[in-house]
Amino acid sequence: MSAAVASKGFDVLLVVHIVVAVAAFVVLCVLAAAGHDVRRGEPTSAARRSFTGRPEVAGRVVHLVPLTGVGLVALSDGAFGFGTPFVVVGVVAWAVAAVCLEAIAFPAQHETARALDHGGDPRGAAARMVGAVELAAVAIAVAAIVMATAS
């Protein structure tokens, strides 16, 4: 991607975009691992820290990916646009990830936290969370592969 655009600002933002995407993927892997731990029965203290009942902030790092992507399109001097195939794939993948997380995973994470706090059975909510988080992670991985091979 950066070969078509000769700008220090573009290069710096590209690195930020990549770091944000990797960070989002890592956070999703940690959330999925915690959810798997809860689904198996007795969650470890590390897993319990993922189910505090507070709003999920780390998982929402995924929303920085399209922001940095829009910046890259703007700094590309027309080399890339919102009709460029790998940009379209990235936007669609982010939308899939965002819907999975905001509509399913994060509410299920809160439900799991409530069940853990009140002695309920958290396994069903944890299973929903894991499924949604894993689908979001796959979407991010697909976008990363498409973008890495598009250059």
C-alpha atoms as a PDB file:
ATOM      1  CA  MET A   1       0.000   0.000   0.000  1.00  0.00           C
ATOM      2  CA  SER A   2       2.605   2.571   0.974  1.00  0.00           C
ATOM      3  CA  ALA A   3       4.570   2.005  -2.251  1.00  0.00           C
ATOM      4  CA  ALA A   4       1.936   3.985  -4.179  1.00  0.00           C
ATOM      5  CA  VAL A   5       1.985   6.901  -1.742  1.00  0.00           C
ATOM      6  CA  ALA A   6       5.187   8.760  -0.896  1.00  0.00           C
ATOM      7  CA  SER A   7       4.368  10.651   2.268  1.00  0.00           C
ATOM      8  CA  LYS A   8       5.786  10.457   5.780  1.00  0.00           C
ATOM      9  CA  GLY A   9       2.338  11.184   7.225  1.00  0.00           C
ATOM     10  CA  PHE A  10       0.836   8.284   5.273  1.00  0.00           C
ATOM     11  CA  ASP A  11       3.625   5.962   6.413  1.00  0.00           C
ATOM     12  CA  VAL A  12       3.186   6.924  10.070  1.00  0.00           C
ATOM     13  CA  LEU A  13      -0.589   6.524   9.881  1.00  0.00           C
ATOM     14  CA  LEU A  14      -0.178   3.172   8.130  1.00  0.00           C
ATOM     15  CA  VAL A  15       1.939   1.945  11.049  1.00  0.00           C
ATOM     16  CA  VAL A  16      -0.690   3.232  13.504  1.00  0.00           C
ATOM     17  CA  HIS A  17      -3.423   1.495  11.462  1.00  0.00           C
ATOM     18  CA  ILE A  18      -1.546  -1.797  11.584  1.00  0.00           C
ATOM     19  CA  VAL A  19      -0.795  -1.498  15.307  1.00  0.00           C
ATOM     20  CA  VAL A  20      -4.455  -0.707  16.074  1.00  0.00           C
ATOM     21  CA  ALA A  21      -5.636  -3.687  13.994  1.00  0.00           C
ATOM     22  CA  VAL A  22      -3.190  -6.038  15.726  1.00  0.00           C
ATOM     23  CA  ALA A  23      -4.176  -4.658  19.141  1.00  0.00           C
ATOM     24  CA  ALA A  24      -7.864  -5.210  18.343  1.00  0.00           C
ATOM     25  CA  PHE A  25      -7.150  -8.787  17.288  1.00  0.00           C
ATOM     26  CA  VAL A  26      -5.144  -9.485  20.468  1.00  0.00           C
ATOM     27  CA  VAL A  27      -7.876  -8.031  22.696  1.00  0.00           C
ATOM     28  CA  LEU A  28     -10.454 -10.218  20.962  1.00  0.00           C
ATOM     29  CA  CYS A  29      -8.270 -13.300  21.479  1.00  0.00           C
ATOM     30  CA  VAL A  30      -8.009 -12.499  25.199  1.00  0.00           C
ATOM     31  CA  LEU A  31     -11.792 -12.011  25.467  1.00  0.00           C
ATOM     32  CA  ALA A  32     -12.430 -15.296  23.659  1.00  0.00           C
ATOM     33  CA  ALA A  33      -9.996 -17.137  25.930  1.00  0.00           C
ATOM     34  CA  ALA A  34     -11.713 -15.729  29.027  1.00  0.00           C
ATOM     35  CA  GLY A  35     -15.099 -16.740  27.640  1.00  0.00           C
ATOM     36  CA  HIS A  36     -13.884 -20.269  26.913  1.00  0.00           C
ATOM     37  CA  ASP A  37     -12.620 -20.467  30.487  1.00  0.00           C
ATOM     38  CA  VAL A  38     -16.022 -19.481  31.869  1.00  0.00           C
ATOM     39  CA  ARG A  39     -17.827 -21.936  29.567  1.00  0.00           C
ATOM     40  CA  ARG A  40     -15.742 -24.805  30.941  1.00  0.00           C
ATOM     41  CA  GLY A  41     -16.967 -24.247  34.474  1.00  0.00           C
ATOM     42  CA  GLU A  42     -14.822 -22.641  37.155  1.00  0.00           C
ATOM     43  CA  PRO A  43     -13.324 -19.453  35.721  1.00  0.00           C
ATOM     44  CA  THR A  44      -9.837 -18.493  36.822  1.00  0.00           C
ATOM     45  CA  SER A  45      -9.176 -15.139  38.436  1.00  0.00           C
ATOM     46  CA  ALA A  46      -7.665 -13.973  35.140  1.00  0.00           C
ATOM     47  CA  ALA A  47     -10.886 -14.840  33.316  1.00  0.00           C
ATOM     48  CA  ARG A  48     -12.998 -13.147  35.988  1.00  0.00           C
ATOM     49  CA  ARG A  49     -11.134  -9.877  35.321  1.00  0.00           C
ATOM     50  CA  SER A  50     -12.696  -9.864  31.832  1.00  0.00           C
ATOM     51  CA  PHE A  51     -16.168  -9.928  33.387  1.00  0.00           C
ATOM     52  CA  THR A  52     -16.284  -6.876  35.622  1.00  0.00           C
ATOM     53  CA  GLY A  53     -19.643  -5.555  34.458  1.00  0.00           C
ATOM     54  CA  ARG A  54     -18.001  -2.279  33.444  1.00  0.00           C
ATOM     55  CA  PRO A  55     -18.270  -1.099  29.831  1.00  0.00           C
ATOM     56  CA  GLU A  56     -15.828  -2.870  27.541  1.00  0.00           C
ATOM     57  CA  VAL A  57     -13.204  -0.319  26.565  1.00  0.00           C
ATOM     58  CA  ALA A  58     -10.360  -2.489  25.306  1.00  0.00           C
ATOM     59  CA  GLY A  59     -12.594  -4.364  22.871  1.00  0.00           C
ATOM     60  CA  ARG A  60     -13.736  -1.106  21.350  1.00  0.00           C
ATOM     61  CA  VAL A  61     -10.231  -0.433  20.043  1.00  0.00           C
ATOM     62  CA  VAL A  62     -11.642  -2.136  16.933  1.00  0.00           C
ATOM     63  CA  HIS A  63     -13.441   1.144  16.175  1.00  0.00           C
ATOM     64  CA  LEU A  64     -10.110   2.918  15.693  1.00  0.00           C
ATOM     65  CA  VAL A  65      -9.317   0.722  12.693  1.00  0.00           C
ATOM     66  CA  PRO A  66     -11.732   2.424  10.261  1.00  0.00           C
ATOM     67  CA  LEU A  67     -10.810   5.861  11.611  1.00  0.00           C
ATOM     68  CA  THR A  68      -7.165   5.323  10.748  1.00  0.00           C
ATOM     69  CA  GLY A  69      -8.259   3.737   7.468  1.00  0.00           C
ATOM     70  CA  VAL A  70     -10.234   6.852   6.513  1.00  0.00           C
ATOM     71  CA  GLY A  71      -7.132   8.887   7.321  1.00  0.00           C
ATOM     72  CA  LEU A  72      -5.072   6.674   5.025  1.00  0.00           C
ATOM     73  CA  VAL A  73      -7.559   7.131   2.187  1.00  0.00           C
ATOM     74  CA  ALA A  74      -7.448  10.899   2.739  1.00  0.00           C
ATOM     75  CA  LEU A  75      -3.637  10.958   2.743  1.00  0.00           C
ATOM     76  CA  SER A  76      -3.318   8.715  -0.305  1.00  0.00           C
ATOM     77  CA  ASP A  77      -3.676  11.612  -2.766  1.00  0.00           C
ATOM     78  CA  GLY A  78      -6.241   9.649  -4.754  1.00  0.00           C
ATOM     79  CA  ALA A  79      -4.199   6.441  -4.973  1.00  0.00           C
ATOM     80  CA  PHE A  80      -6.918   4.699  -2.943  1.00  0.00           C
ATOM     81  CA  GLY A  81     -10.590   5.443  -2.517  1.00  0.00           C
ATOM     82  CA  PHE A  82     -13.655   3.973  -0.887  1.00  0.00           C
ATOM     83  CA  GLY A  83     -14.247   1.969  -4.075  1.00  0.00           C
ATOM     84  CA  THR A  84     -10.808   0.330  -3.967  1.00  0.00           C
ATOM     85  CA  PRO A  85     -11.442  -3.406  -3.446  1.00  0.00           C
ATOM     86  CA  PHE A  86      -9.254  -3.865  -0.368  1.00  0.00           C
ATOM     87  CA  VAL A  87     -10.778  -0.750   1.224  1.00  0.00           C
ATOM     88  CA  VAL A  88     -14.270  -2.139   0.599  1.00  0.00           C
ATOM     89  CA  VAL A  89     -13.247  -5.464   2.170  1.00  0.00           C
ATOM     90  CA  GLY A  90     -11.831  -3.591   5.166  1.00  0.00           C
ATOM     91  CA  VAL A  91     -14.981  -1.547   5.700  1.00  0.00           C
ATOM     92  CA  VAL A  92     -17.237  -4.607   5.375  1.00  0.00           C
ATOM     93  CA  ALA A  93     -15.017  -6.643   7.715  1.00  0.00           C
ATOM     94  CA  TRP A  94     -15.036  -3.844  10.286  1.00  0.00           C
ATOM     95  CA  ALA A  95     -18.832  -3.580  10.026  1.00  0.00           C
ATOM     96  CA  VAL A  96     -19.169  -7.328  10.644  1.00  0.00           C
ATOM     97  CA  ALA A  97     -16.813  -7.100  13.623  1.00  0.00           C
ATOM     98  CA  ALA A  98     -18.566  -4.032  15.036  1.00  0.00           C
ATOM     99  CA  VAL A  99     -22.031  -5.595  14.808  1.00  0.00           C
ATOM    100  CA  CYS A 100     -20.826  -8.865  16.356  1.00  0.00           C
ATOM    101  CA  LEU A 101     -19.212  -7.019  19.237  1.00  0.00           C
ATOM    102  CA  GLU A 102     -21.745  -4.288  19.951  1.00  0.00           C
ATOM    103  CA  ALA A 103     -24.918  -6.301  19.360  1.00  0.00           C
ATOM    104  CA  ILE A 104     -23.893  -9.683  20.784  1.00  0.00           C
ATOM    105  CA  ALA A 105     -20.492  -9.960  22.474  1.00  0.00           C
ATOM    106  CA  PHE A 106     -20.470  -6.952  24.790  1.00  0.00           C
ATOM    107  CA  PRO A 107     -24.058  -7.450  26.026  1.00  0.00           C
ATOM    108  CA  ALA A 108     -23.266 -11.142  26.619  1.00  0.00           C
ATOM    109  CA  GLN A 109     -20.115 -10.111  28.474  1.00  0.00           C
ATOM    110  CA  HIS A 110     -22.267  -7.996  30.833  1.00  0.00           C
ATOM    111  CA  GLU A 111     -24.721 -10.854  31.243  1.00  0.00           C
ATOM    112  CA  THR A 112     -21.824 -13.192  32.085  1.00  0.00           C
ATOM    113  CA  ALA A 113     -20.517 -10.712  34.655  1.00  0.00           C
ATOM    114  CA  ARG A 114     -23.959 -10.467  36.298  1.00  0.00           C
ATOM    115  CA  ALA A 115     -24.245 -14.253  36.453  1.00  0.00           C
ATOM    116  CA  LEU A 116     -20.778 -14.568  37.988  1.00  0.00           C
ATOM    117  CA  ASP A 117     -21.550 -11.864  40.556  1.00  0.00           C
ATOM    118  CA  HIS A 118     -24.929 -13.306  41.546  1.00  0.00           C
ATOM    119  CA  GLY A 119     -24.193 -17.013  41.487  1.00  0.00           C
ATOM    120  CA  GLY A 120     -26.054 -17.726  38.249  1.00  0.00           C
ATOM    121  CA  ASP A 121     -24.968 -19.928  35.363  1.00  0.00           C
ATOM    122  CA  PRO A 122     -22.774 -17.810  33.066  1.00  0.00           C
ATOM    123  CA  ARG A 123     -22.065 -20.526  30.489  1.00  0.00           C
ATOM    124  CA  GLY A 124     -24.784 -19.632  27.964  1.00  0.00           C
ATOM    125  CA  ALA A 125     -23.897 -15.944  27.894  1.00  0.00           C
ATOM    126  CA  ALA A 126     -20.200 -16.784  27.747  1.00  0.00           C
ATOM    127  CA  ALA A 127     -20.831 -19.087  24.782  1.00  0.00           C
ATOM    128  CA  ARG A 128     -22.675 -16.297  22.922  1.00  0.00           C
ATOM    129  CA  MET A 129     -19.862 -13.892  23.691  1.00  0.00           C
ATOM    130  CA  VAL A 130     -17.197 -16.309  22.476  1.00  0.00           C
ATOM    131  CA  GLY A 131     -19.017 -17.002  19.214  1.00  0.00           C
ATOM    132  CA  ALA A 132     -19.450 -13.310  18.437  1.00  0.00           C
ATOM    133  CA  VAL A 133     -15.882 -12.437  19.428  1.00  0.00           C
ATOM    134  CA  GLU A 134     -14.485 -15.254  17.302  1.00  0.00           C
ATOM    135  CA  LEU A 135     -16.497 -14.114  14.274  1.00  0.00           C
ATOM    136  CA  ALA A 136     -15.262 -10.544  14.800  1.00  0.00           C
ATOM    137  CA  ALA A 137     -11.669 -11.809  15.025  1.00  0.00           C
ATOM    138  CA  VAL A 138     -12.089 -13.784  11.793  1.00  0.00           C
ATOM    139  CA  ALA A 139     -13.424 -10.666  10.052  1.00  0.00           C
ATOM    140  CA  ILE A 140     -10.395  -8.666  11.200  1.00  0.00           C
ATOM    141  CA  ALA A 141      -8.023 -11.445  10.123  1.00  0.00           C
ATOM    142  CA  VAL A 142      -9.632 -11.627   6.670  1.00  0.00           C
ATOM    143  CA  ALA A 143      -9.309  -7.865   6.250  1.00  0.00           C
ATOM    144  CA  ALA A 144      -5.659  -8.000   7.324  1.00  0.00           C
ATOM    145  CA  ILE A 145      -4.884 -10.768   4.837  1.00  0.00           C
ATOM    146  CA  VAL A 146      -6.650  -8.968   1.981  1.00  0.00           C
ATOM    147  CA  MET A 147      -4.901  -5.693   2.763  1.00  0.00           C
ATOM    148  CA  ALA A 148      -1.490  -7.294   3.170  1.00  0.00           C
ATOM    149  CA  THR A 149      -1.770  -9.050  -0.187  1.00  0.00           C
ATOM    150  CA  ALA A 150      -3.215  -6.007  -2.000  1.00  0.00           C
ATOM    151  CA  SER A 151       0.040  -4.062  -2.053  1.00  0.00           C
END
